[in-house]
Amino acid sequence: MKSFASLLLLAAAPSLLIAAERITPIADAQRGSMVTVQGTVERITDEDEFRLADASGSILVYVGPNWVPVNEGEAVRVNGFVDDDLGPREIYARTLTRADGSVVTFDRRDDW
């Protein structure tokens, strides 16, 4: 029985790691860093970009060369790189997780 419990724990480990992922408030997302933020899609600004907002602020999220796979008002989690140029802060998304747990991975052919 003890080995069965250990097996169950090992099988659950990936989901435990996902649940423990550090979420950065949008206002604290630093240029030039990898972050995971979560919030509500405030507005779709272009076919490959949207504005994500949480209680601390908002940020642009670029998913190109892909199309935006979310709707305004949808709660999502985004993992990506915060652009380090002098323009508006923007996250180049690597993954997007919907409220139902489904994950969209973005093709980054133009990777940094």
PDB file of N, CA and C in Angstrom:
ATOM      1  N   MET A   1       0.817  -1.184   0.000  1.00  0.00           N
ATOM      2  CA  MET A   1       0.000   0.000   0.000  1.00  0.00           C
ATOM      3  C   MET A   1       0.863   1.250   0.000  1.00  0.00           C
ATOM      4  N   LYS A   2       1.968   1.213   0.741  1.00  0.00           N
ATOM      5  CA  LYS A   2       2.844   2.378   0.815  1.00  0.00           C
ATOM      6  C   LYS A   2       3.422   2.725  -0.560  1.00  0.00           C
ATOM      7  N   SER A   3       3.829   1.734  -1.350  1.00  0.00           N
ATOM      8  CA  SER A   3       4.389   2.004  -2.669  1.00  0.00           C
ATOM      9  C   SER A   3       3.319   2.554  -3.616  1.00  0.00           C
ATOM     10  N   PHE A   4       2.070   2.134  -3.453  1.00  0.00           N
ATOM     11  CA  PHE A   4       0.975   2.669  -4.270  1.00  0.00           C
ATOM     12  C   PHE A   4       0.785   4.161  -3.982  1.00  0.00           C
ATOM     13  N   ALA A   5       0.851   4.538  -2.697  1.00  0.00           N
ATOM     14  CA  ALA A   5       0.719   5.948  -2.326  1.00  0.00           C
ATOM     15  C   ALA A   5       1.879   6.761  -2.903  1.00  0.00           C
ATOM     16  N   SER A   6       3.080   6.204  -2.894  1.00  0.00           N
ATOM     17  CA  SER A   6       4.235   6.896  -3.473  1.00  0.00           C
ATOM     18  C   SER A   6       4.059   7.077  -4.962  1.00  0.00           C
ATOM     19  N   LEU A   7       3.520   6.065  -5.621  1.00  0.00           N
ATOM     20  CA  LEU A   7       3.270   6.145  -7.056  1.00  0.00           C
ATOM     21  C   LEU A   7       2.256   7.243  -7.356  1.00  0.00           C
ATOM     22  N   LEU A   8       1.213   7.332  -6.566  1.00  0.00           N
ATOM     23  CA  LEU A   8       0.220   8.383  -6.761  1.00  0.00           C
ATOM     24  C   LEU A   8       0.835   9.767  -6.580  1.00  0.00           C
ATOM     25  N   LEU A   9       1.697   9.907  -5.597  1.00  0.00           N
ATOM     26  CA  LEU A   9       2.362  11.185  -5.360  1.00  0.00           C
ATOM     27  C   LEU A   9       3.247  11.565  -6.540  1.00  0.00           C
ATOM     28  N   LEU A  10       3.989  10.612  -7.076  1.00  0.00           N
ATOM     29  CA  LEU A  10       4.830  10.888  -8.241  1.00  0.00           C
ATOM     30  C   LEU A  10       3.996  11.259  -9.449  1.00  0.00           C
ATOM     31  N   ALA A  11       2.881  10.604  -9.640  1.00  0.00           N
ATOM     32  CA  ALA A  11       2.003  10.921 -10.767  1.00  0.00           C
ATOM     33  C   ALA A  11       1.415  12.310 -10.631  1.00  0.00           C
ATOM     34  N   ALA A  12       1.186  12.760  -9.411  1.00  0.00           N
ATOM     35  CA  ALA A  12       0.599  14.081  -9.181  1.00  0.00           C
ATOM     36  C   ALA A  12       1.636  15.191  -9.190  1.00  0.00           C
ATOM     37  N   ALA A  13       2.919  14.858  -9.129  1.00  0.00           N
ATOM     38  CA  ALA A  13       3.978  15.870  -8.996  1.00  0.00           C
ATOM     39  C   ALA A  13       3.935  16.956 -10.064  1.00  0.00           C
ATOM     40  N   PRO A  14       3.765  16.642 -11.371  1.00  0.00           N
ATOM     41  CA  PRO A  14       3.737  17.725 -12.353  1.00  0.00           C
ATOM     42  C   PRO A  14       2.620  18.729 -12.079  1.00  0.00           C
ATOM     43  N   SER A  15       1.435  18.256 -11.701  1.00  0.00           N
ATOM     44  CA  SER A  15       0.348  19.191 -11.435  1.00  0.00           C
ATOM     45  C   SER A  15       0.615  20.006 -10.170  1.00  0.00           C
ATOM     46  N   LEU A  16       1.313  19.423  -9.200  1.00  0.00           N
ATOM     47  CA  LEU A  16       1.674  20.177  -8.005  1.00  0.00           C
ATOM     48  C   LEU A  16       2.646  21.288  -8.345  1.00  0.00           C
ATOM     49  N   LEU A  17       3.587  21.009  -9.254  1.00  0.00           N
ATOM     50  CA  LEU A  17       4.538  22.039  -9.655  1.00  0.00           C
ATOM     51  C   LEU A  17       3.838  23.171 -10.386  1.00  0.00           C
ATOM     52  N   ILE A  18       2.873  22.846 -11.234  1.00  0.00           N
ATOM     53  CA  ILE A  18       2.124  23.873 -11.954  1.00  0.00           C
ATOM     54  C   ILE A  18       1.354  24.736 -10.976  1.00  0.00           C
ATOM     55  N   ALA A  19       0.721  24.121  -9.995  1.00  0.00           N
ATOM     56  CA  ALA A  19      -0.062  24.872  -9.025  1.00  0.00           C
ATOM     57  C   ALA A  19       0.828  25.783  -8.190  1.00  0.00           C
ATOM     58  N   ALA A  20       2.091  25.416  -7.996  1.00  0.00           N
ATOM     59  CA  ALA A  20       3.001  26.189  -7.165  1.00  0.00           C
ATOM     60  C   ALA A  20       3.746  27.262  -7.958  1.00  0.00           C
ATOM     61  N   GLU A  21       3.486  27.390  -9.260  1.00  0.00           N
ATOM     62  CA  GLU A  21       4.166  28.369 -10.101  1.00  0.00           C
ATOM     63  C   GLU A  21       4.006  29.771  -9.529  1.00  0.00           C
ATOM     64  N   ARG A  22       5.084  30.520  -9.480  1.00  0.00           N
ATOM     65  CA  ARG A  22       5.064  31.869  -8.909  1.00  0.00           C
ATOM     66  C   ARG A  22       4.375  32.832  -9.867  1.00  0.00           C
ATOM     67  N   ILE A  23       3.347  33.494  -9.388  1.00  0.00           N
ATOM     68  CA  ILE A  23       2.617  34.487 -10.174  1.00  0.00           C
ATOM     69  C   ILE A  23       3.147  35.870  -9.808  1.00  0.00           C
ATOM     70  N   THR A  24       3.544  36.626 -10.811  1.00  0.00           N
ATOM     71  CA  THR A  24       4.038  37.986 -10.614  1.00  0.00           C
ATOM     72  C   THR A  24       2.897  38.965 -10.845  1.00  0.00           C
ATOM     73  N   PRO A  25       2.662  39.913  -9.926  1.00  0.00           N
ATOM     74  CA  PRO A  25       1.679  40.962 -10.220  1.00  0.00           C
ATOM     75  C   PRO A  25       2.131  41.717 -11.475  1.00  0.00           C
ATOM     76  N   ILE A  26       1.196  42.073 -12.322  1.00  0.00           N
ATOM     77  CA  ILE A  26       1.544  42.731 -13.579  1.00  0.00           C
ATOM     78  C   ILE A  26       2.394  43.982 -13.342  1.00  0.00           C
ATOM     79  N   ALA A  27       2.080  44.760 -12.336  1.00  0.00           N
ATOM     80  CA  ALA A  27       2.856  45.977 -12.059  1.00  0.00           C
ATOM     81  C   ALA A  27       4.320  45.678 -11.739  1.00  0.00           C
ATOM     82  N   ASP A  28       4.621  44.457 -11.279  1.00  0.00           N
ATOM     83  CA  ASP A  28       5.981  44.076 -10.899  1.00  0.00           C
ATOM     84  C   ASP A  28       6.749  43.366 -12.013  1.00  0.00           C
ATOM     85  N   ALA A  29       6.127  43.180 -13.185  1.00  0.00           N
ATOM     86  CA  ALA A  29       6.796  42.495 -14.298  1.00  0.00           C
ATOM     87  C   ALA A  29       7.926  43.381 -14.818  1.00  0.00           C
ATOM     88  N   GLN A  30       9.162  42.931 -14.614  1.00  0.00           N
ATOM     89  CA  GLN A  30      10.348  43.716 -14.964  1.00  0.00           C
ATOM     90  C   GLN A  30      10.804  43.443 -16.388  1.00  0.00           C
ATOM     91  N   ARG A  31      11.175  44.494 -17.089  1.00  0.00           N
ATOM     92  CA  ARG A  31      11.709  44.361 -18.453  1.00  0.00           C
ATOM     93  C   ARG A  31      12.904  43.413 -18.457  1.00  0.00           C
ATOM     94  N   GLY A  32      12.969  42.583 -19.493  1.00  0.00           N
ATOM     95  CA  GLY A  32      14.089  41.667 -19.647  1.00  0.00           C
ATOM     96  C   GLY A  32      14.004  40.415 -18.800  1.00  0.00           C
ATOM     97  N   SER A  33      12.844  40.126 -18.205  1.00  0.00           N
ATOM     98  CA  SER A  33      12.723  38.947 -17.350  1.00  0.00           C
ATOM     99  C   SER A  33      11.618  38.017 -17.842  1.00  0.00           C
ATOM    100  N   MET A  34      11.743  36.752 -17.431  1.00  0.00           N
ATOM    101  CA  MET A  34      10.673  35.782 -17.673  1.00  0.00           C
ATOM    102  C   MET A  34       9.695  35.909 -16.522  1.00  0.00           C
ATOM    103  N   VAL A  35       8.394  35.933 -16.828  1.00  0.00           N
ATOM    104  CA  VAL A  35       7.382  36.066 -15.788  1.00  0.00           C
ATOM    105  C   VAL A  35       6.191  35.171 -16.096  1.00  0.00           C
ATOM    106  N   THR A  36       5.415  34.938 -15.049  1.00  0.00           N
ATOM    107  CA  THR A  36       4.094  34.351 -15.192  1.00  0.00           C
ATOM    108  C   THR A  36       3.141  35.320 -14.515  1.00  0.00           C
ATOM    109  N   VAL A  37       2.165  35.793 -15.283  1.00  0.00           N
ATOM    110  CA  VAL A  37       1.164  36.724 -14.774  1.00  0.00           C
ATOM    111  C   VAL A  37      -0.207  36.124 -15.021  1.00  0.00           C
ATOM    112  N   GLN A  38      -1.181  36.586 -14.274  1.00  0.00           N
ATOM    113  CA  GLN A  38      -2.543  36.135 -14.544  1.00  0.00           C
ATOM    114  C   GLN A  38      -3.489  37.298 -14.355  1.00  0.00           C
ATOM    115  N   GLY A  39      -4.586  37.239 -15.075  1.00  0.00           N
ATOM    116  CA  GLY A  39      -5.562  38.311 -14.991  1.00  0.00           C
ATOM    117  C   GLY A  39      -6.686  38.078 -15.974  1.00  0.00           C
ATOM    118  N   THR A  40      -7.342  39.172 -16.332  1.00  0.00           N
ATOM    119  CA  THR A  40      -8.488  39.134 -17.236  1.00  0.00           C
ATOM    120  C   THR A  40      -8.118  39.844 -18.528  1.00  0.00           C
ATOM    121  N   VAL A  41      -8.514  39.250 -19.649  1.00  0.00           N
ATOM    122  CA  VAL A  41      -8.282  39.883 -20.947  1.00  0.00           C
ATOM    123  C   VAL A  41      -9.156  41.127 -20.996  1.00  0.00           C
ATOM    124  N   GLU A  42      -8.494  42.266 -20.954  1.00  0.00           N
ATOM    125  CA  GLU A  42      -9.194  43.545 -20.906  1.00  0.00           C
ATOM    126  C   GLU A  42      -9.673  43.970 -22.292  1.00  0.00           C
ATOM    127  N   ARG A  43      -8.784  43.769 -23.287  1.00  0.00           N
ATOM    128  CA  ARG A  43      -9.113  44.205 -24.642  1.00  0.00           C
ATOM    129  C   ARG A  43      -8.202  43.493 -25.629  1.00  0.00           C
ATOM    130  N   ILE A  44      -8.746  43.130 -26.772  1.00  0.00           N
ATOM    131  CA  ILE A  44      -7.935  42.594 -27.858  1.00  0.00           C
ATOM    132  C   ILE A  44      -7.545  43.788 -28.717  1.00  0.00           C
ATOM    133  N   THR A  45      -6.240  44.054 -28.797  1.00  0.00           N
ATOM    134  CA  THR A  45      -5.756  45.267 -29.452  1.00  0.00           C
ATOM    135  C   THR A  45      -5.362  45.049 -30.909  1.00  0.00           C
ATOM    136  N   ASP A  46      -5.125  43.812 -31.302  1.00  0.00           N
ATOM    137  CA  ASP A  46      -4.726  43.467 -32.665  1.00  0.00           C
ATOM    138  C   ASP A  46      -4.951  41.968 -32.829  1.00  0.00           C
ATOM    139  N   GLU A  47      -4.780  41.444 -34.030  1.00  0.00           N
ATOM    140  CA  GLU A  47      -5.001  40.020 -34.243  1.00  0.00           C
ATOM    141  C   GLU A  47      -4.011  39.150 -33.480  1.00  0.00           C
ATOM    142  N   ASP A  48      -2.863  39.727 -33.078  1.00  0.00           N
ATOM    143  CA  ASP A  48      -1.847  38.945 -32.374  1.00  0.00           C
ATOM    144  C   ASP A  48      -1.429  39.570 -31.038  1.00  0.00           C
ATOM    145  N   GLU A  49      -2.307  40.399 -30.452  1.00  0.00           N
ATOM    146  CA  GLU A  49      -1.966  41.068 -29.204  1.00  0.00           C
ATOM    147  C   GLU A  49      -3.225  41.417 -28.410  1.00  0.00           C
ATOM    148  N   PHE A  50      -3.099  41.320 -27.081  1.00  0.00           N
ATOM    149  CA  PHE A  50      -4.202  41.729 -26.218  1.00  0.00           C
ATOM    150  C   PHE A  50      -3.660  42.377 -24.958  1.00  0.00           C
ATOM    151  N   ARG A  51      -4.535  43.079 -24.250  1.00  0.00           N
ATOM    152  CA  ARG A  51      -4.161  43.722 -22.980  1.00  0.00           C
ATOM    153  C   ARG A  51      -4.715  42.870 -21.851  1.00  0.00           C
ATOM    154  N   LEU A  52      -3.822  42.488 -20.913  1.00  0.00           N
ATOM    155  CA  LEU A  52      -4.174  41.677 -19.750  1.00  0.00           C
ATOM    156  C   LEU A  52      -4.123  42.563 -18.517  1.00  0.00           C
ATOM    157  N   ALA A  53      -5.116  42.447 -17.641  1.00  0.00           N
ATOM    158  CA  ALA A  53      -5.172  43.289 -16.440  1.00  0.00           C
ATOM    159  C   ALA A  53      -5.371  42.451 -15.196  1.00  0.00           C
ATOM    160  N   ASP A  54      -4.723  42.892 -14.105  1.00  0.00           N
ATOM    161  CA  ASP A  54      -4.985  42.339 -12.778  1.00  0.00           C
ATOM    162  C   ASP A  54      -5.198  43.532 -11.844  1.00  0.00           C
ATOM    163  N   ALA A  55      -5.284  43.292 -10.553  1.00  0.00           N
ATOM    164  CA  ALA A  55      -5.542  44.373  -9.597  1.00  0.00           C
ATOM    165  C   ALA A  55      -4.416  45.402  -9.550  1.00  0.00           C
ATOM    166  N   SER A  56      -3.199  45.020 -10.027  1.00  0.00           N
ATOM    167  CA  SER A  56      -2.053  45.928  -9.938  1.00  0.00           C
ATOM    168  C   SER A  56      -1.835  46.774 -11.189  1.00  0.00           C
ATOM    169  N   GLY A  57      -2.469  46.406 -12.301  1.00  0.00           N
ATOM    170  CA  GLY A  57      -2.270  47.154 -13.540  1.00  0.00           C
ATOM    171  C   GLY A  57      -2.571  46.309 -14.756  1.00  0.00           C
ATOM    172  N   SER A  58      -2.035  46.745 -15.906  1.00  0.00           N
ATOM    173  CA  SER A  58      -2.261  46.002 -17.147  1.00  0.00           C
ATOM    174  C   SER A  58      -0.993  45.998 -17.991  1.00  0.00           C
ATOM    175  N   ILE A  59      -0.946  45.075 -18.946  1.00  0.00           N
ATOM    176  CA  ILE A  59       0.223  44.920 -19.812  1.00  0.00           C
ATOM    177  C   ILE A  59      -0.229  44.338 -21.138  1.00  0.00           C
ATOM    178  N   LEU A  60       0.486  44.685 -22.210  1.00  0.00           N
ATOM    179  CA  LEU A  60       0.224  44.088 -23.506  1.00  0.00           C
ATOM    180  C   LEU A  60       0.827  42.689 -23.547  1.00  0.00           C
ATOM    181  N   VAL A  61       0.138  41.771 -24.218  1.00  0.00           N
ATOM    182  CA  VAL A  61       0.630  40.403 -24.397  1.00  0.00           C
ATOM    183  C   VAL A  61       0.645  40.120 -25.893  1.00  0.00           C
ATOM    184  N   TYR A  62       1.832  39.830 -26.424  1.00  0.00           N
ATOM    185  CA  TYR A  62       2.015  39.544 -27.838  1.00  0.00           C
ATOM    186  C   TYR A  62       2.092  38.034 -28.032  1.00  0.00           C
ATOM    187  N   VAL A  63       1.266  37.496 -28.938  1.00  0.00           N
ATOM    188  CA  VAL A  63       1.243  36.055 -29.191  1.00  0.00           C
ATOM    189  C   VAL A  63       1.669  35.722 -30.621  1.00  0.00           C
ATOM    190  N   GLY A  64       2.050  36.733 -31.406  1.00  0.00           N
ATOM    191  CA  GLY A  64       2.421  36.537 -32.799  1.00  0.00           C
ATOM    192  C   GLY A  64       3.579  35.566 -32.967  1.00  0.00           C
ATOM    193  N   PRO A  65       3.653  34.924 -34.082  1.00  0.00           N
ATOM    194  CA  PRO A  65       2.868  35.125 -35.289  1.00  0.00           C
ATOM    195  C   PRO A  65       1.512  34.420 -35.260  1.00  0.00           C
ATOM    196  N   ASN A  66       1.017  34.124 -34.085  1.00  0.00           N
ATOM    197  CA  ASN A  66      -0.258  33.426 -33.923  1.00  0.00           C
ATOM    198  C   ASN A  66      -1.401  34.423 -33.774  1.00  0.00           C
ATOM    199  N   TRP A  67      -2.621  33.938 -33.904  1.00  0.00           N
ATOM    200  CA  TRP A  67      -3.806  34.746 -33.650  1.00  0.00           C
ATOM    201  C   TRP A  67      -4.138  34.683 -32.169  1.00  0.00           C
ATOM    202  N   VAL A  68      -4.746  35.731 -31.641  1.00  0.00           N
ATOM    203  CA  VAL A  68      -5.157  35.760 -30.236  1.00  0.00           C
ATOM    204  C   VAL A  68      -6.196  34.665 -30.000  1.00  0.00           C
ATOM    205  N   PRO A  69      -5.901  33.727 -29.088  1.00  0.00           N
ATOM    206  CA  PRO A  69      -6.804  32.595 -28.870  1.00  0.00           C
ATOM    207  C   PRO A  69      -7.781  32.787 -27.705  1.00  0.00           C
ATOM    208  N   VAL A  70      -8.020  34.020 -27.285  1.00  0.00           N
ATOM    209  CA  VAL A  70      -8.868  34.290 -26.121  1.00  0.00           C
ATOM    210  C   VAL A  70      -9.928  35.331 -26.469  1.00  0.00           C
ATOM    211  N   ASN A  71     -10.858  35.506 -25.548  1.00  0.00           N
ATOM    212  CA  ASN A  71     -11.912  36.510 -25.705  1.00  0.00           C
ATOM    213  C   ASN A  71     -11.799  37.557 -24.612  1.00  0.00           C
ATOM    214  N   GLU A  72     -12.283  38.729 -24.886  1.00  0.00           N
ATOM    215  CA  GLU A  72     -12.323  39.763 -23.855  1.00  0.00           C
ATOM    216  C   GLU A  72     -13.118  39.250 -22.667  1.00  0.00           C
ATOM    217  N   GLY A  73     -12.624  39.543 -21.458  1.00  0.00           N
ATOM    218  CA  GLY A  73     -13.280  39.106 -20.238  1.00  0.00           C
ATOM    219  C   GLY A  73     -12.843  37.746 -19.737  1.00  0.00           C
ATOM    220  N   GLU A  74     -12.029  37.036 -20.518  1.00  0.00           N
ATOM    221  CA  GLU A  74     -11.571  35.694 -20.136  1.00  0.00           C
ATOM    222  C   GLU A  74     -10.426  35.785 -19.131  1.00  0.00           C
ATOM    223  N   ALA A  75     -10.455  34.921 -18.117  1.00  0.00           N
ATOM    224  CA  ALA A  75      -9.372  34.839 -17.125  1.00  0.00           C
ATOM    225  C   ALA A  75      -8.308  33.888 -17.652  1.00  0.00           C
ATOM    226  N   VAL A  76      -7.043  34.344 -17.675  1.00  0.00           N
ATOM    227  CA  VAL A  76      -5.947  33.530 -18.201  1.00  0.00           C
ATOM    228  C   VAL A  76      -4.683  33.737 -17.389  1.00  0.00           C
ATOM    229  N   ARG A  77      -3.745  32.808 -17.557  1.00  0.00           N
ATOM    230  CA  ARG A  77      -2.393  32.911 -17.007  1.00  0.00           C
ATOM    231  C   ARG A  77      -1.445  32.894 -18.198  1.00  0.00           C
ATOM    232  N   VAL A  78      -0.462  33.791 -18.206  1.00  0.00           N
ATOM    233  CA  VAL A  78       0.482  33.905 -19.317  1.00  0.00           C
ATOM    234  C   VAL A  78       1.902  33.783 -18.786  1.00  0.00           C
ATOM    235  N   ASN A  79       2.707  32.969 -19.470  1.00  0.00           N
ATOM    236  CA  ASN A  79       4.128  32.860 -19.165  1.00  0.00           C
ATOM    237  C   ASN A  79       4.884  33.382 -20.377  1.00  0.00           C
ATOM    238  N   GLY A  80       5.862  34.261 -20.139  1.00  0.00           N
ATOM    239  CA  GLY A  80       6.629  34.775 -21.259  1.00  0.00           C
ATOM    240  C   GLY A  80       7.713  35.742 -20.835  1.00  0.00           C
ATOM    241  N   PHE A  81       8.296  36.382 -21.821  1.00  0.00           N
ATOM    242  CA  PHE A  81       9.429  37.291 -21.659  1.00  0.00           C
ATOM    243  C   PHE A  81       8.938  38.726 -21.760  1.00  0.00           C
ATOM    244  N   VAL A  82       9.298  39.554 -20.781  1.00  0.00           N
ATOM    245  CA  VAL A  82       8.920  40.965 -20.821  1.00  0.00           C
ATOM    246  C   VAL A  82       9.942  41.687 -21.696  1.00  0.00           C
ATOM    247  N   ASP A  83       9.450  42.273 -22.780  1.00  0.00           N
ATOM    248  CA  ASP A  83      10.300  42.979 -23.731  1.00  0.00           C
ATOM    249  C   ASP A  83      11.145  44.013 -23.006  1.00  0.00           C
ATOM    250  N   ASP A  84      12.404  44.147 -23.426  1.00  0.00           N
ATOM    251  CA  ASP A  84      13.296  45.083 -22.749  1.00  0.00           C
ATOM    252  C   ASP A  84      13.573  46.359 -23.546  1.00  0.00           C
ATOM    253  N   ASP A  85      12.753  46.635 -24.575  1.00  0.00           N
ATOM    254  CA  ASP A  85      12.963  47.879 -25.311  1.00  0.00           C
ATOM    255  C   ASP A  85      12.306  49.055 -24.581  1.00  0.00           C
ATOM    256  N   LEU A  86      12.404  50.241 -25.145  1.00  0.00           N
ATOM    257  CA  LEU A  86      11.917  51.439 -24.471  1.00  0.00           C
ATOM    258  C   LEU A  86      10.434  51.723 -24.714  1.00  0.00           C
ATOM    259  N   GLY A  87       9.770  50.947 -25.542  1.00  0.00           N
ATOM    260  CA  GLY A  87       8.350  51.142 -25.803  1.00  0.00           C
ATOM    261  C   GLY A  87       7.510  50.702 -24.623  1.00  0.00           C
ATOM    262  N   PRO A  88       6.205  50.584 -24.842  1.00  0.00           N
ATOM    263  CA  PRO A  88       5.331  50.103 -23.758  1.00  0.00           C
ATOM    264  C   PRO A  88       5.752  48.695 -23.317  1.00  0.00           C
ATOM    265  N   ARG A  89       5.595  48.403 -22.023  1.00  0.00           N
ATOM    266  CA  ARG A  89       5.911  47.049 -21.552  1.00  0.00           C
ATOM    267  C   ARG A  89       5.007  46.053 -22.267  1.00  0.00           C
ATOM    268  N   GLU A  90       5.605  44.941 -22.668  1.00  0.00           N
ATOM    269  CA  GLU A  90       4.871  43.928 -23.417  1.00  0.00           C
ATOM    270  C   GLU A  90       5.479  42.566 -23.115  1.00  0.00           C
ATOM    271  N   ILE A  91       4.617  41.583 -22.962  1.00  0.00           N
ATOM    272  CA  ILE A  91       5.083  40.204 -22.744  1.00  0.00           C
ATOM    273  C   ILE A  91       4.992  39.452 -24.060  1.00  0.00           C
ATOM    274  N   TYR A  92       6.104  38.804 -24.444  1.00  0.00           N
ATOM    275  CA  TYR A  92       6.092  37.876 -25.568  1.00  0.00           C
ATOM    276  C   TYR A  92       5.707  36.525 -24.993  1.00  0.00           C
ATOM    277  N   ALA A  93       4.464  36.132 -25.211  1.00  0.00           N
ATOM    278  CA  ALA A  93       3.920  34.931 -24.577  1.00  0.00           C
ATOM    279  C   ALA A  93       4.551  33.659 -25.128  1.00  0.00           C
ATOM    280  N   ARG A  94       4.873  32.751 -24.209  1.00  0.00           N
ATOM    281  CA  ARG A  94       5.306  31.395 -24.569  1.00  0.00           C
ATOM    282  C   ARG A  94       4.164  30.412 -24.373  1.00  0.00           C
ATOM    283  N   THR A  95       3.434  30.582 -23.245  1.00  0.00           N
ATOM    284  CA  THR A  95       2.251  29.752 -23.009  1.00  0.00           C
ATOM    285  C   THR A  95       1.133  30.607 -22.432  1.00  0.00           C
ATOM    286  N   LEU A  96      -0.068  30.144 -22.643  1.00  0.00           N
ATOM    287  CA  LEU A  96      -1.264  30.764 -22.086  1.00  0.00           C
ATOM    288  C   LEU A  96      -2.118  29.638 -21.523  1.00  0.00           C
ATOM    289  N   THR A  97      -2.539  29.775 -20.273  1.00  0.00           N
ATOM    290  CA  THR A  97      -3.374  28.763 -19.633  1.00  0.00           C
ATOM    291  C   THR A  97      -4.735  29.367 -19.360  1.00  0.00           C
ATOM    292  N   ARG A  98      -5.768  28.683 -19.839  1.00  0.00           N
ATOM    293  CA  ARG A  98      -7.151  29.130 -19.626  1.00  0.00           C
ATOM    294  C   ARG A  98      -7.637  28.672 -18.254  1.00  0.00           C
ATOM    295  N   ALA A  99      -8.775  29.213 -17.831  1.00  0.00           N
ATOM    296  CA  ALA A  99      -9.362  28.879 -16.530  1.00  0.00           C
ATOM    297  C   ALA A  99      -9.669  27.386 -16.425  1.00  0.00           C
ATOM    298  N   ASP A 100      -9.966  26.720 -17.552  1.00  0.00           N
ATOM    299  CA  ASP A 100     -10.277  25.289 -17.509  1.00  0.00           C
ATOM    300  C   ASP A 100      -9.018  24.417 -17.463  1.00  0.00           C
ATOM    301  N   GLY A 101      -7.826  25.056 -17.446  1.00  0.00           N
ATOM    302  CA  GLY A 101      -6.573  24.319 -17.369  1.00  0.00           C
ATOM    303  C   GLY A 101      -5.946  24.001 -18.715  1.00  0.00           C
ATOM    304  N   SER A 102      -6.652  24.253 -19.822  1.00  0.00           N
ATOM    305  CA  SER A 102      -6.064  23.980 -21.132  1.00  0.00           C
ATOM    306  C   SER A 102      -4.948  24.989 -21.416  1.00  0.00           C
ATOM    307  N   VAL A 103      -3.889  24.491 -22.052  1.00  0.00           N
ATOM    308  CA  VAL A 103      -2.698  25.298 -22.296  1.00  0.00           C
ATOM    309  C   VAL A 103      -2.501  25.486 -23.796  1.00  0.00           C
ATOM    310  N   VAL A 104      -2.236  26.740 -24.196  1.00  0.00           N
ATOM    311  CA  VAL A 104      -1.876  27.066 -25.569  1.00  0.00           C
ATOM    312  C   VAL A 104      -0.397  27.419 -25.558  1.00  0.00           C
ATOM    313  N   THR A 105       0.392  26.732 -26.391  1.00  0.00           N
ATOM    314  CA  THR A 105       1.817  27.016 -26.516  1.00  0.00           C
ATOM    315  C   THR A 105       2.029  27.757 -27.823  1.00  0.00           C
ATOM    316  N   PHE A 106       2.793  28.854 -27.769  1.00  0.00           N
ATOM    317  CA  PHE A 106       2.991  29.687 -28.948  1.00  0.00           C
ATOM    318  C   PHE A 106       4.314  29.371 -29.621  1.00  0.00           C
ATOM    319  N   ASP A 107       4.273  29.270 -30.934  1.00  0.00           N
ATOM    320  CA  ASP A 107       5.448  29.042 -31.754  1.00  0.00           C
ATOM    321  C   ASP A 107       6.262  30.335 -31.761  1.00  0.00           C
ATOM    322  N   ARG A 108       7.498  30.271 -31.283  1.00  0.00           N
ATOM    323  CA  ARG A 108       8.354  31.468 -31.180  1.00  0.00           C
ATOM    324  C   ARG A 108       9.496  31.356 -32.182  1.00  0.00           C
ATOM    325  N   ARG A 109       9.208  31.348 -33.459  1.00  0.00           N
ATOM    326  CA  ARG A 109      10.272  31.280 -34.472  1.00  0.00           C
ATOM    327  C   ARG A 109      11.179  32.494 -34.418  1.00  0.00           C
ATOM    328  N   ASP A 110      10.644  33.616 -33.971  1.00  0.00           N
ATOM    329  CA  ASP A 110      11.420  34.849 -33.877  1.00  0.00           C
ATOM    330  C   ASP A 110      11.947  35.041 -32.458  1.00  0.00           C
ATOM    331  N   ASP A 111      12.285  33.916 -31.807  1.00  0.00           N
ATOM    332  CA  ASP A 111      12.704  33.925 -30.397  1.00  0.00           C
ATOM    333  C   ASP A 111      13.828  34.930 -30.162  1.00  0.00           C
ATOM    334  N   TRP A 112      13.906  35.418 -28.960  1.00  0.00           N
ATOM    335  CA  TRP A 112      14.854  36.468 -28.583  1.00  0.00           C
ATOM    336  C   TRP A 112      16.205  35.891 -28.537  1.00  0.00           C
TER     337      TRP A 112
END
